[in-house]
Amino acid sequence: MKVLDLVCAQGHTFEGWFGSEQDYANQQDRGLLTCPVCAEARVTRRPSAPRLNLSTSRREAEVVAAPTAESAAPSPVTPPNPAQVLQRALVQAVQNVLRSTEDVGERFVEEARRIHYGETQARNIRGQATPEQRAELQDEGIEVLTLPVLLEEPSGPVH
């Protein structure tokens, strides 16, 4: 597995995992690479040290990585870019929200009420609601969380 540093035309950096250099080139040529933050399709490779994700056990990896007398000198460690760390955390948070909720779309307000009043099974949902509808739900004691447009899916903002 080959791990590459990528950047979209909007400046978002992220990692891409590919079976080979040819796999990366194929996906790039077919327009399959998109930014996980903004869905931008113009993605380019950033210069980076090659990194392979091999399917070895942790124990085997430790044995392979054991320093020799020649390589025992400490190598300089580059601190992570805070913007990249935050960006990765945001992408993971978005993915967690999407994985752990049901998209009820424009039925969000109706479903939130049905869940709150015990008319249907309790579950985590997301969908669309106007600011006025969200205020009404909160007045009824129904907790809602509005997520920024950054978390927008093709069907609309996630709430």
N, C-alpha and C. Protein backbone atom coordinates (compact mmCIF):
# COMPACT_ATOMS: atom_id res chain seq x y z
N MET A 1 0.86 -1.17 0.00
CA MET A 1 0.00 0.00 0.00
C MET A 1 0.90 1.23 0.00
N LYS A 2 0.62 2.17 -0.88
CA LYS A 2 1.43 3.39 -1.00
C LYS A 2 0.61 4.55 -0.44
N VAL A 3 1.19 5.33 0.47
CA VAL A 3 0.53 6.46 1.10
C VAL A 3 1.14 7.74 0.54
N LEU A 4 0.29 8.59 -0.08
CA LEU A 4 0.77 9.82 -0.71
C LEU A 4 0.13 11.03 -0.05
N ASP A 5 0.89 12.13 0.01
CA ASP A 5 0.34 13.40 0.47
C ASP A 5 -0.28 14.10 -0.73
N LEU A 6 -1.54 14.51 -0.59
CA LEU A 6 -2.27 15.15 -1.68
C LEU A 6 -2.77 16.51 -1.22
N VAL A 7 -3.08 17.38 -2.18
CA VAL A 7 -3.64 18.70 -1.89
C VAL A 7 -4.64 19.03 -2.98
N CYS A 8 -5.77 19.64 -2.59
CA CYS A 8 -6.76 20.04 -3.58
C CYS A 8 -6.51 21.49 -4.00
N ALA A 9 -7.23 21.95 -5.01
CA ALA A 9 -7.06 23.31 -5.52
C ALA A 9 -7.45 24.35 -4.47
N GLN A 10 -8.21 23.97 -3.43
CA GLN A 10 -8.61 24.88 -2.36
C GLN A 10 -7.57 24.92 -1.24
N GLY A 11 -6.52 24.08 -1.35
CA GLY A 11 -5.45 24.08 -0.36
C GLY A 11 -5.60 23.09 0.77
N HIS A 12 -6.63 22.24 0.74
CA HIS A 12 -6.80 21.23 1.78
C HIS A 12 -5.83 20.09 1.51
N THR A 13 -5.06 19.71 2.54
CA THR A 13 -4.13 18.60 2.38
C THR A 13 -4.70 17.35 3.04
N PHE A 14 -4.40 16.21 2.45
CA PHE A 14 -4.90 14.94 2.98
C PHE A 14 -4.03 13.82 2.43
N GLU A 15 -4.20 12.63 3.00
CA GLU A 15 -3.46 11.45 2.56
C GLU A 15 -4.32 10.64 1.60
N GLY A 16 -3.67 10.01 0.65
CA GLY A 16 -4.33 9.07 -0.23
C GLY A 16 -3.60 7.74 -0.15
N TRP A 17 -4.35 6.65 -0.04
CA TRP A 17 -3.75 5.32 0.05
C TRP A 17 -4.04 4.59 -1.26
N PHE A 18 -2.99 4.11 -1.90
CA PHE A 18 -3.12 3.49 -3.21
C PHE A 18 -2.36 2.16 -3.24
N GLY A 19 -2.83 1.26 -4.07
CA GLY A 19 -2.17 -0.04 -4.20
C GLY A 19 -0.81 0.08 -4.85
N SER A 20 -0.63 1.09 -5.71
CA SER A 20 0.63 1.28 -6.42
C SER A 20 0.64 2.67 -7.03
N GLU A 21 1.77 3.04 -7.59
CA GLU A 21 1.88 4.32 -8.30
C GLU A 21 0.90 4.32 -9.48
N GLN A 22 0.78 3.18 -10.15
CA GLN A 22 -0.15 3.05 -11.29
C GLN A 22 -1.59 3.23 -10.83
N ASP A 23 -1.93 2.71 -9.66
CA ASP A 23 -3.28 2.86 -9.11
C ASP A 23 -3.59 4.34 -8.90
N TYR A 24 -2.64 5.08 -8.33
CA TYR A 24 -2.80 6.53 -8.16
C TYR A 24 -3.03 7.20 -9.51
N ALA A 25 -2.18 6.89 -10.50
CA ALA A 25 -2.28 7.51 -11.82
C ALA A 25 -3.62 7.19 -12.47
N ASN A 26 -4.08 5.94 -12.36
CA ASN A 26 -5.38 5.55 -12.92
C ASN A 26 -6.52 6.35 -12.31
N GLN A 27 -6.53 6.43 -10.98
CA GLN A 27 -7.60 7.17 -10.30
C GLN A 27 -7.57 8.65 -10.67
N GLN A 28 -6.37 9.20 -10.78
CA GLN A 28 -6.21 10.61 -11.14
C GLN A 28 -6.74 10.83 -12.56
N ASP A 29 -6.35 9.96 -13.51
CA ASP A 29 -6.78 10.08 -14.91
C ASP A 29 -8.29 9.94 -15.05
N ARG A 30 -8.91 9.11 -14.25
CA ARG A 30 -10.36 8.87 -14.34
C ARG A 30 -11.18 9.87 -13.53
N GLY A 31 -10.50 10.81 -12.84
CA GLY A 31 -11.21 11.82 -12.07
C GLY A 31 -11.84 11.29 -10.81
N LEU A 32 -11.30 10.22 -10.25
CA LEU A 32 -11.88 9.62 -9.05
C LEU A 32 -11.36 10.21 -7.75
N LEU A 33 -10.28 11.00 -7.82
CA LEU A 33 -9.72 11.60 -6.60
C LEU A 33 -10.45 12.89 -6.29
N THR A 34 -10.99 12.99 -5.10
CA THR A 34 -11.63 14.22 -4.65
C THR A 34 -11.21 14.53 -3.23
N CYS A 35 -11.26 15.78 -2.86
CA CYS A 35 -10.91 16.22 -1.52
C CYS A 35 -11.98 15.77 -0.53
N PRO A 36 -11.59 15.16 0.59
CA PRO A 36 -12.58 14.74 1.58
C PRO A 36 -13.20 15.90 2.35
N VAL A 37 -12.62 17.09 2.25
CA VAL A 37 -13.15 18.24 2.97
C VAL A 37 -14.17 19.00 2.12
N CYS A 38 -13.80 19.28 0.84
CA CYS A 38 -14.67 20.13 0.01
C CYS A 38 -15.13 19.46 -1.28
N ALA A 39 -14.73 18.23 -1.53
CA ALA A 39 -15.10 17.47 -2.72
C ALA A 39 -14.50 18.04 -4.01
N GLU A 40 -13.49 18.89 -3.90
CA GLU A 40 -12.80 19.44 -5.07
C GLU A 40 -12.15 18.30 -5.85
N ALA A 41 -12.33 18.30 -7.17
CA ALA A 41 -11.78 17.23 -8.00
C ALA A 41 -10.37 17.53 -8.50
N ARG A 42 -9.93 18.78 -8.41
CA ARG A 42 -8.58 19.12 -8.84
C ARG A 42 -7.62 18.82 -7.69
N VAL A 43 -7.04 17.63 -7.73
CA VAL A 43 -6.16 17.14 -6.67
C VAL A 43 -4.79 16.87 -7.26
N THR A 44 -3.75 17.32 -6.56
CA THR A 44 -2.39 17.06 -7.00
C THR A 44 -1.59 16.42 -5.87
N ARG A 45 -0.51 15.81 -6.25
CA ARG A 45 0.37 15.14 -5.29
C ARG A 45 1.37 16.15 -4.74
N ARG A 46 1.60 16.11 -3.44
CA ARG A 46 2.60 16.96 -2.80
C ARG A 46 3.90 16.19 -2.67
N PRO A 47 5.02 16.88 -2.72
CA PRO A 47 6.29 16.18 -2.50
C PRO A 47 6.31 15.60 -1.09
N SER A 48 6.73 14.35 -0.98
CA SER A 48 6.80 13.71 0.33
C SER A 48 7.75 12.53 0.25
N ALA A 49 8.18 12.12 1.40
CA ALA A 49 9.00 10.91 1.47
C ALA A 49 8.09 9.72 1.23
N PRO A 50 8.53 8.75 0.45
CA PRO A 50 7.67 7.59 0.21
C PRO A 50 7.39 6.84 1.51
N ARG A 51 6.16 6.39 1.65
CA ARG A 51 5.76 5.64 2.83
C ARG A 51 4.93 4.47 2.38
N LEU A 52 5.27 3.31 2.83
CA LEU A 52 4.52 2.11 2.47
C LEU A 52 3.82 1.57 3.69
N ASN A 53 2.57 1.16 3.52
CA ASN A 53 1.84 0.53 4.59
C ASN A 53 1.83 -0.96 4.28
N LEU A 54 2.71 -1.70 4.92
CA LEU A 54 2.84 -3.12 4.66
C LEU A 54 1.97 -3.91 5.62
N SER A 55 1.47 -5.02 5.16
CA SER A 55 0.60 -5.83 6.02
C SER A 55 1.43 -6.82 6.84
N THR A 56 2.26 -6.27 7.72
CA THR A 56 3.03 -7.11 8.64
C THR A 56 2.49 -6.88 10.04
N SER A 57 2.74 -7.83 10.89
CA SER A 57 2.28 -7.65 12.26
C SER A 57 3.14 -6.59 12.94
N ARG A 58 2.64 -6.05 14.03
CA ARG A 58 3.37 -5.03 14.78
C ARG A 58 4.71 -5.58 15.26
N ARG A 59 4.72 -6.81 15.71
CA ARG A 59 5.96 -7.43 16.21
C ARG A 59 6.99 -7.52 15.08
N GLU A 60 6.55 -7.98 13.89
CA GLU A 60 7.46 -8.07 12.76
C GLU A 60 7.96 -6.69 12.38
N ALA A 61 7.08 -5.70 12.41
CA ALA A 61 7.46 -4.34 12.05
C ALA A 61 8.51 -3.81 13.03
N GLU A 62 8.37 -4.15 14.31
CA GLU A 62 9.34 -3.71 15.30
C GLU A 62 10.70 -4.34 15.03
N VAL A 63 10.70 -5.60 14.65
CA VAL A 63 11.96 -6.28 14.37
C VAL A 63 12.62 -5.65 13.15
N VAL A 64 11.84 -5.39 12.10
CA VAL A 64 12.37 -4.79 10.89
C VAL A 64 12.89 -3.39 11.17
N ALA A 65 12.23 -2.65 12.06
CA ALA A 65 12.58 -1.26 12.32
C ALA A 65 13.64 -1.11 13.41
N ALA A 66 14.11 -2.20 13.97
CA ALA A 66 15.11 -2.11 15.04
C ALA A 66 16.36 -1.41 14.51
N PRO A 67 16.86 -0.41 15.23
CA PRO A 67 18.02 0.34 14.73
C PRO A 67 19.29 -0.50 14.74
N THR A 68 20.11 -0.23 13.76
CA THR A 68 21.43 -0.85 13.71
C THR A 68 22.42 0.13 14.31
N ALA A 69 23.66 -0.29 14.47
CA ALA A 69 24.68 0.60 15.04
C ALA A 69 24.86 1.83 14.17
N GLU A 70 24.74 1.65 12.83
CA GLU A 70 24.93 2.79 11.92
C GLU A 70 23.77 3.77 11.97
N SER A 71 22.56 3.26 12.24
CA SER A 71 21.39 4.13 12.20
C SER A 71 20.91 4.54 13.59
N ALA A 72 21.71 4.31 14.61
CA ALA A 72 21.29 4.58 15.99
C ALA A 72 21.19 6.07 16.29
N ALA A 73 21.80 6.92 15.46
CA ALA A 73 21.73 8.37 15.71
C ALA A 73 20.29 8.83 15.53
N PRO A 74 19.79 9.68 16.43
CA PRO A 74 18.40 10.12 16.31
C PRO A 74 18.20 10.95 15.04
N SER A 75 17.06 10.73 14.39
CA SER A 75 16.75 11.52 13.20
C SER A 75 15.87 12.68 13.62
N PRO A 76 15.97 13.82 12.94
CA PRO A 76 15.15 14.97 13.32
C PRO A 76 13.67 14.66 13.08
N VAL A 77 12.84 15.09 13.99
CA VAL A 77 11.41 14.86 13.89
C VAL A 77 10.74 16.19 13.54
N THR A 78 9.97 16.18 12.46
CA THR A 78 9.25 17.38 12.06
C THR A 78 7.92 17.40 12.79
N PRO A 79 7.63 18.47 13.53
CA PRO A 79 6.35 18.52 14.23
C PRO A 79 5.21 18.59 13.21
N PRO A 80 4.06 18.01 13.55
CA PRO A 80 2.94 18.04 12.61
C PRO A 80 2.43 19.47 12.41
N ASN A 81 1.98 19.74 11.22
CA ASN A 81 1.39 21.03 10.88
C ASN A 81 0.05 21.13 11.61
N PRO A 82 -0.14 22.13 12.50
CA PRO A 82 -1.39 22.23 13.26
C PRO A 82 -2.63 22.30 12.38
N ALA A 83 -2.53 22.97 11.23
CA ALA A 83 -3.69 23.06 10.33
C ALA A 83 -4.05 21.69 9.78
N GLN A 84 -3.05 20.87 9.45
CA GLN A 84 -3.32 19.53 8.95
C GLN A 84 -3.92 18.65 10.04
N VAL A 85 -3.42 18.78 11.24
CA VAL A 85 -3.95 18.00 12.36
C VAL A 85 -5.42 18.35 12.58
N LEU A 86 -5.73 19.64 12.59
CA LEU A 86 -7.12 20.08 12.78
C LEU A 86 -7.99 19.62 11.62
N GLN A 87 -7.47 19.72 10.42
CA GLN A 87 -8.23 19.31 9.24
C GLN A 87 -8.55 17.82 9.29
N ARG A 88 -7.56 17.00 9.64
CA ARG A 88 -7.81 15.56 9.75
C ARG A 88 -8.84 15.25 10.83
N ALA A 89 -8.75 15.95 11.95
CA ALA A 89 -9.71 15.74 13.04
C ALA A 89 -11.12 16.12 12.58
N LEU A 90 -11.23 17.21 11.83
CA LEU A 90 -12.54 17.63 11.33
C LEU A 90 -13.10 16.61 10.35
N VAL A 91 -12.28 16.11 9.45
CA VAL A 91 -12.73 15.10 8.49
C VAL A 91 -13.19 13.86 9.23
N GLN A 92 -12.44 13.44 10.25
CA GLN A 92 -12.85 12.26 11.02
C GLN A 92 -14.16 12.51 11.76
N ALA A 93 -14.33 13.70 12.31
CA ALA A 93 -15.57 14.03 13.01
C ALA A 93 -16.75 13.98 12.05
N VAL A 94 -16.58 14.54 10.86
CA VAL A 94 -17.65 14.52 9.85
C VAL A 94 -17.98 13.08 9.49
N GLN A 95 -16.96 12.28 9.26
CA GLN A 95 -17.20 10.88 8.91
C GLN A 95 -17.93 10.15 10.02
N ASN A 96 -17.58 10.43 11.27
CA ASN A 96 -18.27 9.80 12.41
C ASN A 96 -19.74 10.21 12.46
N VAL A 97 -20.02 11.50 12.23
CA VAL A 97 -21.41 11.96 12.22
C VAL A 97 -22.18 11.27 11.11
N LEU A 98 -21.61 11.21 9.93
CA LEU A 98 -22.29 10.59 8.79
C LEU A 98 -22.53 9.10 9.01
N ARG A 99 -21.54 8.42 9.62
CA ARG A 99 -21.68 6.98 9.89
C ARG A 99 -22.71 6.68 10.97
N SER A 100 -22.83 7.57 11.95
CA SER A 100 -23.66 7.26 13.12
C SER A 100 -25.04 7.91 13.09
N THR A 101 -25.43 8.47 11.95
CA THR A 101 -26.75 9.09 11.85
C THR A 101 -27.48 8.62 10.60
N GLU A 102 -28.79 8.72 10.66
CA GLU A 102 -29.64 8.41 9.50
C GLU A 102 -30.05 9.73 8.85
N ASP A 103 -29.87 9.84 7.55
CA ASP A 103 -30.25 11.05 6.83
C ASP A 103 -31.74 10.99 6.52
N VAL A 104 -32.52 11.83 7.19
CA VAL A 104 -33.96 11.87 6.94
C VAL A 104 -34.34 13.07 6.07
N GLY A 105 -33.33 13.80 5.61
CA GLY A 105 -33.55 14.88 4.65
C GLY A 105 -34.50 15.95 5.15
N GLU A 106 -35.48 16.28 4.30
CA GLU A 106 -36.43 17.34 4.61
C GLU A 106 -37.45 16.92 5.68
N ARG A 107 -37.47 15.66 6.05
CA ARG A 107 -38.37 15.17 7.10
C ARG A 107 -37.76 15.33 8.48
N PHE A 108 -36.65 16.06 8.60
CA PHE A 108 -35.93 16.17 9.87
C PHE A 108 -36.82 16.64 11.01
N VAL A 109 -37.54 17.73 10.81
CA VAL A 109 -38.36 18.31 11.89
C VAL A 109 -39.43 17.31 12.33
N GLU A 110 -40.11 16.72 11.36
CA GLU A 110 -41.16 15.74 11.66
C GLU A 110 -40.58 14.54 12.42
N GLU A 111 -39.46 14.00 11.96
CA GLU A 111 -38.86 12.84 12.61
C GLU A 111 -38.33 13.18 14.00
N ALA A 112 -37.75 14.37 14.17
CA ALA A 112 -37.25 14.77 15.49
C ALA A 112 -38.40 14.82 16.49
N ARG A 113 -39.54 15.35 16.06
CA ARG A 113 -40.71 15.39 16.96
C ARG A 113 -41.22 13.98 17.27
N ARG A 114 -41.31 13.13 16.25
CA ARG A 114 -41.80 11.77 16.46
C ARG A 114 -40.90 11.02 17.46
N ILE A 115 -39.60 11.21 17.34
CA ILE A 115 -38.67 10.56 18.27
C ILE A 115 -38.85 11.13 19.67
N HIS A 116 -38.92 12.46 19.77
CA HIS A 116 -39.04 13.13 21.07
C HIS A 116 -40.30 12.70 21.81
N TYR A 117 -41.40 12.57 21.09
CA TYR A 117 -42.67 12.24 21.73
C TYR A 117 -42.94 10.74 21.78
N GLY A 118 -41.92 9.93 21.45
CA GLY A 118 -42.03 8.48 21.59
C GLY A 118 -42.91 7.81 20.55
N GLU A 119 -43.16 8.46 19.43
CA GLU A 119 -44.01 7.88 18.39
C GLU A 119 -43.23 6.95 17.47
N THR A 120 -41.93 7.00 17.53
CA THR A 120 -41.08 6.13 16.73
C THR A 120 -39.82 5.82 17.52
N GLN A 121 -39.08 4.84 17.04
CA GLN A 121 -37.86 4.39 17.72
C GLN A 121 -36.84 5.53 17.80
N ALA A 122 -36.21 5.67 18.96
CA ALA A 122 -35.16 6.67 19.15
C ALA A 122 -33.93 6.28 18.33
N ARG A 123 -33.38 7.24 17.62
CA ARG A 123 -32.19 7.03 16.81
C ARG A 123 -31.56 8.37 16.49
N ASN A 124 -30.32 8.36 16.07
CA ASN A 124 -29.63 9.58 15.68
C ASN A 124 -29.99 9.90 14.24
N ILE A 125 -30.46 11.13 14.02
CA ILE A 125 -30.86 11.52 12.67
C ILE A 125 -30.17 12.82 12.28
N ARG A 126 -30.17 13.09 10.98
CA ARG A 126 -29.69 14.36 10.45
C ARG A 126 -30.55 14.70 9.24
N GLY A 127 -30.61 15.99 8.92
CA GLY A 127 -31.40 16.43 7.79
C GLY A 127 -31.41 17.94 7.73
N GLN A 128 -32.42 18.50 7.06
CA GLN A 128 -32.49 19.93 6.88
C GLN A 128 -33.63 20.54 7.71
N ALA A 129 -33.36 21.74 8.22
CA ALA A 129 -34.36 22.51 8.96
C ALA A 129 -33.99 23.98 8.83
N THR A 130 -35.00 24.81 8.78
CA THR A 130 -34.76 26.25 8.72
C THR A 130 -34.42 26.74 10.13
N PRO A 131 -33.84 27.93 10.25
CA PRO A 131 -33.58 28.48 11.59
C PRO A 131 -34.86 28.57 12.43
N GLU A 132 -35.96 28.94 11.80
CA GLU A 132 -37.23 29.03 12.53
C GLU A 132 -37.67 27.66 13.05
N GLN A 133 -37.54 26.64 12.20
CA GLN A 133 -37.91 25.29 12.63
C GLN A 133 -37.03 24.80 13.76
N ARG A 134 -35.75 25.11 13.70
CA ARG A 134 -34.84 24.70 14.78
C ARG A 134 -35.22 25.39 16.08
N ALA A 135 -35.60 26.67 16.01
CA ALA A 135 -36.01 27.41 17.21
C ALA A 135 -37.27 26.78 17.80
N GLU A 136 -38.22 26.40 16.95
CA GLU A 136 -39.45 25.76 17.42
C GLU A 136 -39.14 24.43 18.13
N LEU A 137 -38.24 23.64 17.54
CA LEU A 137 -37.86 22.37 18.16
C LEU A 137 -37.24 22.61 19.53
N GLN A 138 -36.36 23.59 19.62
CA GLN A 138 -35.72 23.89 20.89
C GLN A 138 -36.73 24.39 21.92
N ASP A 139 -37.73 25.17 21.48
CA ASP A 139 -38.80 25.61 22.39
C ASP A 139 -39.58 24.43 22.95
N GLU A 140 -39.69 23.35 22.17
CA GLU A 140 -40.41 22.15 22.62
C GLU A 140 -39.52 21.25 23.47
N GLY A 141 -38.26 21.65 23.67
CA GLY A 141 -37.34 20.84 24.47
C GLY A 141 -36.62 19.77 23.67
N ILE A 142 -36.65 19.91 22.36
CA ILE A 142 -35.98 18.94 21.48
C ILE A 142 -34.61 19.51 21.13
N GLU A 143 -33.57 18.80 21.55
CA GLU A 143 -32.20 19.28 21.31
C GLU A 143 -31.80 19.03 19.86
N VAL A 144 -31.29 20.07 19.23
CA VAL A 144 -30.77 19.95 17.87
C VAL A 144 -29.40 20.62 17.83
N LEU A 145 -28.58 20.14 16.94
CA LEU A 145 -27.25 20.70 16.76
C LEU A 145 -27.12 21.09 15.30
N THR A 146 -26.79 22.34 15.05
CA THR A 146 -26.59 22.81 13.69
C THR A 146 -25.12 22.73 13.37
N LEU A 147 -24.81 22.02 12.29
CA LEU A 147 -23.43 21.88 11.86
C LEU A 147 -23.15 22.86 10.74
N PRO A 148 -21.91 23.33 10.62
CA PRO A 148 -21.59 24.32 9.60
C PRO A 148 -21.74 23.78 8.18
N VAL A 149 -21.87 24.70 7.24
CA VAL A 149 -22.02 24.34 5.83
C VAL A 149 -20.84 23.51 5.35
N LEU A 150 -19.69 23.63 6.00
CA LEU A 150 -18.52 22.85 5.65
C LEU A 150 -18.85 21.35 5.63
N LEU A 151 -19.81 20.94 6.42
CA LEU A 151 -20.19 19.55 6.52
C LEU A 151 -21.29 19.17 5.54
N GLU A 152 -21.48 19.99 4.54
CA GLU A 152 -22.58 19.79 3.61
C GLU A 152 -22.37 18.55 2.76
N GLU A 153 -23.44 17.82 2.57
CA GLU A 153 -23.48 16.66 1.71
C GLU A 153 -24.20 17.08 0.43
N PRO A 154 -24.20 16.24 -0.61
CA PRO A 154 -24.92 16.60 -1.82
C PRO A 154 -26.40 16.89 -1.57
N SER A 155 -27.02 16.26 -0.57
CA SER A 155 -28.44 16.46 -0.30
C SER A 155 -28.72 17.68 0.56
N GLY A 156 -27.71 18.37 1.06
CA GLY A 156 -27.92 19.58 1.84
C GLY A 156 -27.16 19.55 3.15
N PRO A 157 -27.27 20.62 3.94
CA PRO A 157 -26.53 20.69 5.19
C PRO A 157 -26.95 19.60 6.17
N VAL A 158 -26.03 19.19 6.99
CA VAL A 158 -26.29 18.19 8.02
C VAL A 158 -26.67 18.90 9.30
N HIS A 159 -27.80 18.53 9.91
CA HIS A 159 -28.24 19.14 11.19
C HIS A 159 -28.39 18.05 12.22
